[in-house]
PDB file of N, CA and C in Angstrom:
ATOM      1  N   MET A   1      26.280  14.618  36.373  1.00  0.00           N
ATOM      2  CA  MET A   1      25.148  15.344  35.831  1.00  0.00           C
ATOM      3  C   MET A   1      25.380  15.644  34.354  1.00  0.00           C
ATOM      4  N   PHE A   2      24.304  15.550  33.627  1.00  0.00           N
ATOM      5  CA  PHE A   2      24.371  15.887  32.216  1.00  0.00           C
ATOM      6  C   PHE A   2      23.760  17.258  32.007  1.00  0.00           C
ATOM      7  N   LEU A   3      24.371  17.997  31.151  1.00  0.00           N
ATOM      8  CA  LEU A   3      23.886  19.340  30.850  1.00  0.00           C
ATOM      9  C   LEU A   3      23.340  19.333  29.426  1.00  0.00           C
ATOM     10  N   ILE A   4      22.095  19.724  29.281  1.00  0.00           N
ATOM     11  CA  ILE A   4      21.481  19.775  27.956  1.00  0.00           C
ATOM     12  C   ILE A   4      21.741  21.151  27.366  1.00  0.00           C
ATOM     13  N   VAL A   5      22.366  21.153  26.210  1.00  0.00           N
ATOM     14  CA  VAL A   5      22.683  22.403  25.538  1.00  0.00           C
ATOM     15  C   VAL A   5      21.870  22.452  24.256  1.00  0.00           C
ATOM     16  N   GLU A   6      21.064  23.460  24.128  1.00  0.00           N
ATOM     17  CA  GLU A   6      20.271  23.624  22.918  1.00  0.00           C
ATOM     18  C   GLU A   6      21.017  24.526  21.955  1.00  0.00           C
ATOM     19  N   SER A   7      21.095  24.080  20.730  1.00  0.00           N
ATOM     20  CA  SER A   7      21.758  24.901  19.726  1.00  0.00           C
ATOM     21  C   SER A   7      20.702  25.625  18.900  1.00  0.00           C
ATOM     22  N   GLY A   8      21.133  26.574  18.126  1.00  0.00           N
ATOM     23  CA  GLY A   8      20.220  27.369  17.312  1.00  0.00           C
ATOM     24  C   GLY A   8      19.604  26.576  16.177  1.00  0.00           C
ATOM     25  N   GLU A   9      20.296  25.565  15.687  1.00  0.00           N
ATOM     26  CA  GLU A   9      19.746  24.791  14.572  1.00  0.00           C
ATOM     27  C   GLU A   9      19.246  23.445  15.088  1.00  0.00           C
ATOM     28  N   ALA A  10      18.009  23.164  14.795  1.00  0.00           N
ATOM     29  CA  ALA A  10      17.398  21.917  15.240  1.00  0.00           C
ATOM     30  C   ALA A  10      17.507  20.882  14.126  1.00  0.00           C
ATOM     31  N   SER A  11      17.634  19.647  14.505  1.00  0.00           N
ATOM     32  CA  SER A  11      17.719  18.568  13.532  1.00  0.00           C
ATOM     33  C   SER A  11      16.335  18.307  12.947  1.00  0.00           C
ATOM     34  N   SER A  12      16.280  18.030  11.654  1.00  0.00           N
ATOM     35  CA  SER A  12      14.997  17.735  11.021  1.00  0.00           C
ATOM     36  C   SER A  12      14.737  16.235  10.974  1.00  0.00           C
ATOM     37  N   PHE A  13      15.625  15.444  11.548  1.00  0.00           N
ATOM     38  CA  PHE A  13      15.466  13.990  11.514  1.00  0.00           C
ATOM     39  C   PHE A  13      14.157  13.511  12.133  1.00  0.00           C
ATOM     40  N   PRO A  14      13.814  13.909  13.345  1.00  0.00           N
ATOM     41  CA  PRO A  14      12.563  13.390  13.910  1.00  0.00           C
ATOM     42  C   PRO A  14      11.336  13.768  13.085  1.00  0.00           C
ATOM     43  N   THR A  15      11.319  14.966  12.526  1.00  0.00           N
ATOM     44  CA  THR A  15      10.174  15.378  11.714  1.00  0.00           C
ATOM     45  C   THR A  15      10.102  14.550  10.433  1.00  0.00           C
ATOM     46  N   ALA A  16      11.227  14.397   9.754  1.00  0.00           N
ATOM     47  CA  ALA A  16      11.248  13.611   8.517  1.00  0.00           C
ATOM     48  C   ALA A  16      10.943  12.145   8.808  1.00  0.00           C
ATOM     49  N   PHE A  17      11.502  11.643   9.879  1.00  0.00           N
ATOM     50  CA  PHE A  17      11.278  10.253  10.274  1.00  0.00           C
ATOM     51  C   PHE A  17       9.798  10.004  10.553  1.00  0.00           C
ATOM     52  N   THR A  18       9.184  10.895  11.280  1.00  0.00           N
ATOM     53  CA  THR A  18       7.762  10.788  11.596  1.00  0.00           C
ATOM     54  C   THR A  18       6.917  10.911  10.336  1.00  0.00           C
ATOM     55  N   LEU A  19       7.276  11.810   9.449  1.00  0.00           N
ATOM     56  CA  LEU A  19       6.543  12.002   8.201  1.00  0.00           C
ATOM     57  C   LEU A  19       6.585  10.741   7.340  1.00  0.00           C
ATOM     58  N   VAL A  20       7.738  10.095   7.277  1.00  0.00           N
ATOM     59  CA  VAL A  20       7.859   8.854   6.499  1.00  0.00           C
ATOM     60  C   VAL A  20       6.934   7.775   7.070  1.00  0.00           C
ATOM     61  N   TYR A  21       6.892   7.658   8.376  1.00  0.00           N
ATOM     62  CA  TYR A  21       6.012   6.663   8.986  1.00  0.00           C
ATOM     63  C   TYR A  21       4.541   6.981   8.759  1.00  0.00           C
ATOM     64  N   ILE A  22       4.167   8.234   8.830  1.00  0.00           N
ATOM     65  CA  ILE A  22       2.769   8.612   8.609  1.00  0.00           C
ATOM     66  C   ILE A  22       2.359   8.330   7.169  1.00  0.00           C
ATOM     67  N   VAL A  23       3.189   8.730   6.214  1.00  0.00           N
ATOM     68  CA  VAL A  23       2.890   8.487   4.796  1.00  0.00           C
ATOM     69  C   VAL A  23       2.869   6.985   4.511  1.00  0.00           C
ATOM     70  N   GLY A  24       3.798   6.243   5.089  1.00  0.00           N
ATOM     71  CA  GLY A  24       3.827   4.791   4.906  1.00  0.00           C
ATOM     72  C   GLY A  24       2.597   4.110   5.464  1.00  0.00           C
ATOM     73  N   PHE A  25       2.146   4.575   6.621  1.00  0.00           N
ATOM     74  CA  PHE A  25       0.943   4.002   7.232  1.00  0.00           C
ATOM     75  C   PHE A  25      -0.281   4.267   6.368  1.00  0.00           C
ATOM     76  N   ILE A  26      -0.406   5.487   5.875  1.00  0.00           N
ATOM     77  CA  ILE A  26      -1.544   5.833   5.016  1.00  0.00           C
ATOM     78  C   ILE A  26      -1.509   5.008   3.733  1.00  0.00           C
ATOM     79  N   ALA A  27      -0.321   4.839   3.146  1.00  0.00           N
ATOM     80  CA  ALA A  27      -0.195   4.031   1.929  1.00  0.00           C
ATOM     81  C   ALA A  27      -0.556   2.572   2.207  1.00  0.00           C
ATOM     82  N   ALA A  28      -0.102   2.040   3.333  1.00  0.00           N
ATOM     83  CA  ALA A  28      -0.399   0.647   3.669  1.00  0.00           C
ATOM     84  C   ALA A  28      -1.895   0.428   3.882  1.00  0.00           C
ATOM     85  N   VAL A  29      -2.543   1.362   4.556  1.00  0.00           N
ATOM     86  CA  VAL A  29      -3.990   1.245   4.785  1.00  0.00           C
ATOM     87  C   VAL A  29      -4.745   1.340   3.462  1.00  0.00           C
ATOM     88  N   THR A  30      -4.325   2.248   2.581  1.00  0.00           N
ATOM     89  CA  THR A  30      -4.988   2.408   1.286  1.00  0.00           C
ATOM     90  C   THR A  30      -4.833   1.158   0.432  1.00  0.00           C
ATOM     91  N   ILE A  31      -3.610   0.665   0.301  1.00  0.00           N
ATOM     92  CA  ILE A  31      -3.360  -0.528  -0.515  1.00  0.00           C
ATOM     93  C   ILE A  31      -4.050  -1.743   0.104  1.00  0.00           C
ATOM     94  N   GLY A  32      -4.010  -1.856   1.419  1.00  0.00           N
ATOM     95  CA  GLY A  32      -4.683  -2.962   2.097  1.00  0.00           C
ATOM     96  C   GLY A  32      -6.182  -2.930   1.912  1.00  0.00           C
ATOM     97  N   SER A  33      -6.759  -1.734   1.934  1.00  0.00           N
ATOM     98  CA  SER A  33      -8.206  -1.607   1.736  1.00  0.00           C
ATOM     99  C   SER A  33      -8.604  -2.005   0.326  1.00  0.00           C
ATOM    100  N   ILE A  34      -7.827  -1.582  -0.655  1.00  0.00           N
ATOM    101  CA  ILE A  34      -8.117  -1.963  -2.043  1.00  0.00           C
ATOM    102  C   ILE A  34      -8.020  -3.476  -2.190  1.00  0.00           C
ATOM    103  N   ALA A  35      -6.989  -4.077  -1.611  1.00  0.00           N
ATOM    104  CA  ALA A  35      -6.829  -5.532  -1.696  1.00  0.00           C
ATOM    105  C   ALA A  35      -7.963  -6.254  -0.974  1.00  0.00           C
ATOM    106  N   TRP A  36      -8.357  -5.749   0.189  1.00  0.00           N
ATOM    107  CA  TRP A  36      -9.428  -6.383   0.970  1.00  0.00           C
ATOM    108  C   TRP A  36     -10.747  -6.368   0.209  1.00  0.00           C
ATOM    109  N   TYR A  37     -11.116  -5.217  -0.326  1.00  0.00           N
ATOM    110  CA  TYR A  37     -12.414  -5.106  -0.982  1.00  0.00           C
ATOM    111  C   TYR A  37     -12.449  -5.790  -2.339  1.00  0.00           C
ATOM    112  N   ASN A  38     -11.296  -6.093  -2.922  1.00  0.00           N
ATOM    113  CA  ASN A  38     -11.269  -6.786  -4.202  1.00  0.00           C
ATOM    114  C   ASN A  38     -10.973  -8.275  -4.042  1.00  0.00           C
ATOM    115  N   SER A  39     -10.802  -8.740  -2.823  1.00  0.00           N
ATOM    116  CA  SER A  39     -10.504 -10.147  -2.589  1.00  0.00           C
ATOM    117  C   SER A  39     -11.793 -10.932  -2.357  1.00  0.00           C
ATOM    118  N   LYS A  40     -11.633 -12.236  -2.270  1.00  0.00           N
ATOM    119  CA  LYS A  40     -12.772 -13.088  -1.938  1.00  0.00           C
ATOM    120  C   LYS A  40     -13.146 -12.795  -0.490  1.00  0.00           C
ATOM    121  N   ARG A  41     -14.410 -12.593  -0.240  1.00  0.00           N
ATOM    122  CA  ARG A  41     -14.866 -12.192   1.089  1.00  0.00           C
ATOM    123  C   ARG A  41     -14.844 -13.374   2.065  1.00  0.00           C
ATOM    124  N   PRO A  42     -14.449 -13.111   3.296  1.00  0.00           N
ATOM    125  CA  PRO A  42     -14.529 -14.166   4.314  1.00  0.00           C
ATOM    126  C   PRO A  42     -15.985 -14.420   4.708  1.00  0.00           C
ATOM    127  N   PRO A  43     -16.265 -15.522   5.398  1.00  0.00           N
ATOM    128  CA  PRO A  43     -17.648 -15.826   5.797  1.00  0.00           C
ATOM    129  C   PRO A  43     -18.292 -14.668   6.552  1.00  0.00           C
ATOM    130  N   GLY A  44     -19.489 -14.311   6.119  1.00  0.00           N
ATOM    131  CA  GLY A  44     -20.220 -13.221   6.746  1.00  0.00           C
ATOM    132  C   GLY A  44     -20.087 -11.898   6.017  1.00  0.00           C
ATOM    133  N   TRP A  45     -19.126 -11.791   5.111  1.00  0.00           N
ATOM    134  CA  TRP A  45     -18.893 -10.539   4.378  1.00  0.00           C
ATOM    135  C   TRP A  45     -19.264 -10.664   2.902  1.00  0.00           C
ATOM    136  N   GLU A  46     -19.797 -11.810   2.475  1.00  0.00           N
ATOM    137  CA  GLU A  46     -20.046 -12.035   1.052  1.00  0.00           C
ATOM    138  C   GLU A  46     -21.016 -11.042   0.438  1.00  0.00           C
ATOM    139  N   ASP A  47     -22.028 -10.620   1.192  1.00  0.00           N
ATOM    140  CA  ASP A  47     -23.065  -9.752   0.634  1.00  0.00           C
ATOM    141  C   ASP A  47     -22.794  -8.270   0.851  1.00  0.00           C
ATOM    142  N   LYS A  48     -21.646  -7.911   1.367  1.00  0.00           N
ATOM    143  CA  LYS A  48     -21.335  -6.501   1.634  1.00  0.00           C
ATOM    144  C   LYS A  48     -20.939  -5.792   0.342  1.00  0.00           C
ATOM    145  N   GLU A  49     -21.321  -4.540   0.228  1.00  0.00           N
ATOM    146  CA  GLU A  49     -21.018  -3.734  -0.955  1.00  0.00           C
ATOM    147  C   GLU A  49     -19.613  -3.153  -0.867  1.00  0.00           C
ATOM    148  N   ARG A  50     -19.005  -2.952  -2.020  1.00  0.00           N
ATOM    149  CA  ARG A  50     -17.704  -2.289  -2.091  1.00  0.00           C
ATOM    150  C   ARG A  50     -17.940  -0.788  -2.020  1.00  0.00           C
ATOM    151  N   PRO A  51     -17.188  -0.052  -1.192  1.00  0.00           N
ATOM    152  CA  PRO A  51     -17.349   1.405  -1.148  1.00  0.00           C
ATOM    153  C   PRO A  51     -17.029   2.032  -2.504  1.00  0.00           C
ATOM    154  N   ASP A  52     -17.640   3.163  -2.804  1.00  0.00           N
ATOM    155  CA  ASP A  52     -17.431   3.826  -4.091  1.00  0.00           C
ATOM    156  C   ASP A  52     -16.001   4.311  -4.281  1.00  0.00           C
ATOM    157  N   VAL A  53     -15.283   4.597  -3.195  1.00  0.00           N
ATOM    158  CA  VAL A  53     -13.926   5.133  -3.316  1.00  0.00           C
ATOM    159  C   VAL A  53     -12.895   4.058  -3.628  1.00  0.00           C
ATOM    160  N   VAL A  54     -13.260   2.777  -3.475  1.00  0.00           N
ATOM    161  CA  VAL A  54     -12.324   1.689  -3.740  1.00  0.00           C
ATOM    162  C   VAL A  54     -12.483   1.245  -5.189  1.00  0.00           C
ATOM    163  N   PRO A  55     -11.413   1.329  -5.994  1.00  0.00           N
ATOM    164  CA  PRO A  55     -11.521   0.930  -7.400  1.00  0.00           C
ATOM    165  C   PRO A  55     -11.619  -0.587  -7.540  1.00  0.00           C
ATOM    166  N   LYS A  56     -12.315  -1.032  -8.581  1.00  0.00           N
ATOM    167  CA  LYS A  56     -12.411  -2.467  -8.861  1.00  0.00           C
ATOM    168  C   LYS A  56     -11.189  -2.877  -9.663  1.00  0.00           C
ATOM    169  N   VAL A  57     -10.533  -3.935  -9.222  1.00  0.00           N
ATOM    170  CA  VAL A  57      -9.349  -4.444  -9.896  1.00  0.00           C
ATOM    171  C   VAL A  57      -9.734  -5.742 -10.584  1.00  0.00           C
ATOM    172  N   ASP A  58      -9.542  -5.799 -11.911  1.00  0.00           N
ATOM    173  CA  ASP A  58      -9.838  -6.999 -12.680  1.00  0.00           C
ATOM    174  C   ASP A  58      -8.621  -7.916 -12.597  1.00  0.00           C
ATOM    175  N   THR A  59      -8.743  -9.025 -11.870  1.00  0.00           N
ATOM    176  CA  THR A  59      -7.591  -9.896 -11.640  1.00  0.00           C
ATOM    177  C   THR A  59      -7.112 -10.569 -12.916  1.00  0.00           C
ATOM    178  N   ASP A  60      -8.015 -10.874 -13.847  1.00  0.00           N
ATOM    179  CA  ASP A  60      -7.590 -11.491 -15.107  1.00  0.00           C
ATOM    180  C   ASP A  60      -6.694 -10.546 -15.890  1.00  0.00           C
ATOM    181  N   GLU A  61      -7.038  -9.270 -15.880  1.00  0.00           N
ATOM    182  CA  GLU A  61      -6.246  -8.270 -16.592  1.00  0.00           C
ATOM    183  C   GLU A  61      -4.880  -8.100 -15.932  1.00  0.00           C
ATOM    184  N   VAL A  62      -4.838  -8.110 -14.613  1.00  0.00           N
ATOM    185  CA  VAL A  62      -3.581  -7.948 -13.883  1.00  0.00           C
ATOM    186  C   VAL A  62      -2.679  -9.145 -14.120  1.00  0.00           C
ATOM    187  N   ILE A  63      -3.243 -10.349 -14.080  1.00  0.00           N
ATOM    188  CA  ILE A  63      -2.446 -11.555 -14.279  1.00  0.00           C
ATOM    189  C   ILE A  63      -1.898 -11.606 -15.697  1.00  0.00           C
ATOM    190  N   SER A  64      -2.693 -11.242 -16.694  1.00  0.00           N
ATOM    191  CA  SER A  64      -2.207 -11.270 -18.072  1.00  0.00           C
ATOM    192  C   SER A  64      -1.134 -10.219 -18.305  1.00  0.00           C
ATOM    193  N   ALA A  65      -1.169  -9.124 -17.559  1.00  0.00           N
ATOM    194  CA  ALA A  65      -0.137  -8.098 -17.699  1.00  0.00           C
ATOM    195  C   ALA A  65       1.173  -8.552 -17.078  1.00  0.00           C
ATOM    196  N   VAL A  66       1.120  -9.443 -16.094  1.00  0.00           N
ATOM    197  CA  VAL A  66       2.323  -9.899 -15.401  1.00  0.00           C
ATOM    198  C   VAL A  66       2.955 -11.085 -16.106  1.00  0.00           C
ATOM    199  N   GLU A  67       2.139 -11.973 -16.662  1.00  0.00           N
ATOM    200  CA  GLU A  67       2.665 -13.166 -17.313  1.00  0.00           C
ATOM    201  C   GLU A  67       3.337 -12.805 -18.637  1.00  0.00           C
ATOM    202  N   PRO A  68       4.497 -13.404 -18.899  1.00  0.00           N
ATOM    203  CA  PRO A  68       5.160 -13.142 -20.181  1.00  0.00           C
ATOM    204  C   PRO A  68       4.396 -13.818 -21.318  1.00  0.00           C
ATOM    205  N   PRO A  69       4.433 -13.241 -22.496  1.00  0.00           N
ATOM    206  CA  PRO A  69       3.745 -13.860 -23.637  1.00  0.00           C
ATOM    207  C   PRO A  69       4.441 -15.155 -24.037  1.00  0.00           C
ATOM    208  N   ASP A  70       3.680 -16.053 -24.661  1.00  0.00           N
ATOM    209  CA  ASP A  70       4.270 -17.306 -25.134  1.00  0.00           C
ATOM    210  C   ASP A  70       5.189 -17.006 -26.306  1.00  0.00           C
ATOM    211  N   VAL A  71       6.430 -17.390 -26.159  1.00  0.00           N
ATOM    212  CA  VAL A  71       7.415 -17.158 -27.211  1.00  0.00           C
ATOM    213  C   VAL A  71       7.836 -18.512 -27.748  1.00  0.00           C
ATOM    214  N   LYS A  72       7.651 -18.703 -29.052  1.00  0.00           N
ATOM    215  CA  LYS A  72       8.033 -19.963 -29.673  1.00  0.00           C
ATOM    216  C   LYS A  72       9.334 -19.744 -30.434  1.00  0.00           C
ATOM    217  N   THR A  73      10.258 -20.632 -30.188  1.00  0.00           N
ATOM    218  CA  THR A  73      11.547 -20.529 -30.872  1.00  0.00           C
ATOM    219  C   THR A  73      11.719 -21.728 -31.783  1.00  0.00           C
ATOM    220  N   ASP A  74      12.480 -21.548 -32.812  1.00  0.00           N
ATOM    221  CA  ASP A  74      12.785 -22.640 -33.738  1.00  0.00           C
ATOM    222  C   ASP A  74      14.040 -23.335 -33.232  1.00  0.00           C
ATOM    223  N   ALA A  75      13.846 -24.453 -32.573  1.00  0.00           N
ATOM    224  CA  ALA A  75      15.010 -25.161 -32.023  1.00  0.00           C
ATOM    225  C   ALA A  75      15.205 -26.474 -32.722  1.00  0.00           C
TER     226      ALA A  75
END
């Protein structure tokens, strides 16, 4: 037989662990929603409006911010 002994101090691991998963899930849904509404629409969704809460992402601006500038060297 096992005897369960409760101590006065409880571990905060399950609470912190659960909180991390909840925050991660909310972040994933938010980022996924932004990506979905700014992507090319699948068949049947082309004429749907973007919700007001989802920001418009300009892909040309994002790509130019990621690409390094052309650097010419004298070789």
